[in-house]
Amino acid sequence: MTDGQEFDARVRDFAERALASLTPERRAECELLAQVEPGMRIFPSEQYPEWVELVYGGVAVGLTTWAYLNDGVATPPSDGPDGLYCE
């Protein structure tokens, strides 16, 4: 995994797009859960290790690939959690 400003910018873009795609009700739920489990984190998907899940308040709210976060090419982020359950 790379580190630096470009990586950080892609993670930020990924998080912003995922949060923007949430319904107001889902975002309120995540914000409430975030009071118990603070912060937003990215984790490798348990099912697909090449994929990354954005977790907010303990809830997966977005999906992208490590390749996208590392180099900006490959698969762009999903807009929200809809892609989480795709094969």
C-alpha atoms as a PDB file:
ATOM      1  CA  MET A   1       0.000   0.000   0.000  1.00  0.00           C
ATOM      2  CA  THR A   2       1.284   3.435  -0.822  1.00  0.00           C
ATOM      3  CA  ASP A   3       1.223   6.358   1.514  1.00  0.00           C
ATOM      4  CA  GLY A   4       1.093  10.052   0.843  1.00  0.00           C
ATOM      5  CA  GLN A   5      -1.027  12.909  -0.377  1.00  0.00           C
ATOM      6  CA  GLU A   6      -2.441  11.159  -3.469  1.00  0.00           C
ATOM      7  CA  PHE A   7      -3.501   8.114  -1.445  1.00  0.00           C
ATOM      8  CA  ASP A   8      -5.056  10.366   1.215  1.00  0.00           C
ATOM      9  CA  ALA A   9      -6.913  12.353  -1.448  1.00  0.00           C
ATOM     10  CA  ARG A  10      -8.384   9.159  -2.975  1.00  0.00           C
ATOM     11  CA  VAL A  11      -9.465   7.908   0.456  1.00  0.00           C
ATOM     12  CA  ARG A  12     -11.058  11.298   1.176  1.00  0.00           C
ATOM     13  CA  ASP A  13     -12.854  11.272  -2.200  1.00  0.00           C
ATOM     14  CA  PHE A  14     -14.045   7.701  -1.561  1.00  0.00           C
ATOM     15  CA  ALA A  15     -15.423   8.660   1.869  1.00  0.00           C
ATOM     16  CA  GLU A  16     -17.099  11.845   0.624  1.00  0.00           C
ATOM     17  CA  ARG A  17     -18.828  10.046  -2.255  1.00  0.00           C
ATOM     18  CA  ALA A  18     -19.995   7.188  -0.042  1.00  0.00           C
ATOM     19  CA  LEU A  19     -21.413   9.542   2.596  1.00  0.00           C
ATOM     20  CA  ALA A  20     -23.079  11.763  -0.008  1.00  0.00           C
ATOM     21  CA  SER A  21     -24.925   8.763  -1.411  1.00  0.00           C
ATOM     22  CA  LEU A  22     -26.505   7.765   1.912  1.00  0.00           C
ATOM     23  CA  THR A  23     -30.124   8.569   2.529  1.00  0.00           C
ATOM     24  CA  PRO A  24     -30.668  11.111   5.313  1.00  0.00           C
ATOM     25  CA  GLU A  25     -32.093   8.330   7.506  1.00  0.00           C
ATOM     26  CA  ARG A  26     -29.114   6.013   6.907  1.00  0.00           C
ATOM     27  CA  ARG A  27     -26.633   8.823   7.537  1.00  0.00           C
ATOM     28  CA  ALA A  28     -28.407   9.739  10.800  1.00  0.00           C
ATOM     29  CA  GLU A  29     -28.226   6.074  11.833  1.00  0.00           C
ATOM     30  CA  CYS A  30     -24.493   5.939  11.094  1.00  0.00           C
ATOM     31  CA  GLU A  31     -23.891   9.196  12.969  1.00  0.00           C
ATOM     32  CA  LEU A  32     -25.745   7.806  15.973  1.00  0.00           C
ATOM     33  CA  LEU A  33     -23.750   4.563  15.859  1.00  0.00           C
ATOM     34  CA  ALA A  34     -20.544   6.577  15.468  1.00  0.00           C
ATOM     35  CA  GLN A  35     -21.095   7.944  18.963  1.00  0.00           C
ATOM     36  CA  VAL A  36     -20.488   4.415  20.254  1.00  0.00           C
ATOM     37  CA  GLU A  37     -17.890   3.365  17.681  1.00  0.00           C
ATOM     38  CA  PRO A  38     -16.281   6.666  16.676  1.00  0.00           C
ATOM     39  CA  GLY A  39     -14.494   7.335  13.463  1.00  0.00           C
ATOM     40  CA  MET A  40     -14.504   6.212   9.914  1.00  0.00           C
ATOM     41  CA  ARG A  41     -12.162   3.451   8.820  1.00  0.00           C
ATOM     42  CA  ILE A  42     -11.281   1.416   5.777  1.00  0.00           C
ATOM     43  CA  PHE A  43     -10.915  -2.347   6.044  1.00  0.00           C
ATOM     44  CA  PRO A  44     -10.175  -5.150   3.612  1.00  0.00           C
ATOM     45  CA  SER A  45     -13.384  -6.930   2.704  1.00  0.00           C
ATOM     46  CA  GLU A  46     -13.568 -10.272   4.472  1.00  0.00           C
ATOM     47  CA  GLN A  47     -15.155 -11.866   1.424  1.00  0.00           C
ATOM     48  CA  TYR A  48     -12.970 -10.222  -1.247  1.00  0.00           C
ATOM     49  CA  PRO A  49      -9.492  -9.226   0.005  1.00  0.00           C
ATOM     50  CA  GLU A  50      -8.747  -7.026  -3.034  1.00  0.00           C
ATOM     51  CA  TRP A  51     -11.723  -4.827  -2.097  1.00  0.00           C
ATOM     52  CA  VAL A  52     -11.874  -2.184   0.634  1.00  0.00           C
ATOM     53  CA  GLU A  53     -14.931  -1.321   2.722  1.00  0.00           C
ATOM     54  CA  LEU A  54     -15.496   2.110   4.229  1.00  0.00           C
ATOM     55  CA  VAL A  55     -16.975   1.563   7.700  1.00  0.00           C
ATOM     56  CA  TYR A  56     -18.706   4.393   9.543  1.00  0.00           C
ATOM     57  CA  GLY A  57     -20.334   3.820  12.896  1.00  0.00           C
ATOM     58  CA  GLY A  58     -19.723   0.100  12.488  1.00  0.00           C
ATOM     59  CA  VAL A  59     -21.685   0.030   9.195  1.00  0.00           C
ATOM     60  CA  ALA A  60     -20.144  -0.553   5.744  1.00  0.00           C
ATOM     61  CA  VAL A  61     -21.152   2.476   3.657  1.00  0.00           C
ATOM     62  CA  GLY A  62     -18.873   2.208   0.597  1.00  0.00           C
ATOM     63  CA  LEU A  63     -16.725  -0.158  -1.435  1.00  0.00           C
ATOM     64  CA  THR A  64     -13.659   0.268  -3.658  1.00  0.00           C
ATOM     65  CA  THR A  65     -10.442  -1.593  -4.474  1.00  0.00           C
ATOM     66  CA  TRP A  66      -6.994  -1.312  -2.940  1.00  0.00           C
ATOM     67  CA  ALA A  67      -5.707  -0.799  -6.499  1.00  0.00           C
ATOM     68  CA  TYR A  68      -7.844   2.336  -6.882  1.00  0.00           C
ATOM     69  CA  LEU A  69      -6.704   3.765  -3.539  1.00  0.00           C
ATOM     70  CA  ASN A  70      -3.064   2.978  -4.280  1.00  0.00           C
ATOM     71  CA  ASP A  71      -2.726   4.114  -7.892  1.00  0.00           C
ATOM     72  CA  GLY A  72      -5.945   5.842  -8.966  1.00  0.00           C
ATOM     73  CA  VAL A  73      -6.566   3.538 -11.888  1.00  0.00           C
ATOM     74  CA  ALA A  74      -8.597   0.358 -11.762  1.00  0.00           C
ATOM     75  CA  THR A  75     -12.068   0.374 -10.211  1.00  0.00           C
ATOM     76  CA  PRO A  76     -13.374   3.739  -8.958  1.00  0.00           C
ATOM     77  CA  PRO A  77     -15.345   3.888  -5.713  1.00  0.00           C
ATOM     78  CA  SER A  78     -18.963   2.825  -5.568  1.00  0.00           C
ATOM     79  CA  ASP A  79     -21.472   5.528  -4.818  1.00  0.00           C
ATOM     80  CA  GLY A  80     -22.719   4.145  -1.542  1.00  0.00           C
ATOM     81  CA  PRO A  81     -23.228   0.676  -0.215  1.00  0.00           C
ATOM     82  CA  ASP A  82     -25.164  -0.717  -3.213  1.00  0.00           C
ATOM     83  CA  GLY A  83     -22.070  -2.450  -4.538  1.00  0.00           C
ATOM     84  CA  LEU A  84     -21.341  -4.179  -1.256  1.00  0.00           C
ATOM     85  CA  TYR A  85     -23.392  -7.244  -2.010  1.00  0.00           C
ATOM     86  CA  CYS A  86     -22.495  -7.722  -5.682  1.00  0.00           C
ATOM     87  CA  GLU A  87     -20.527 -10.720  -6.892  1.00  0.00           C
END
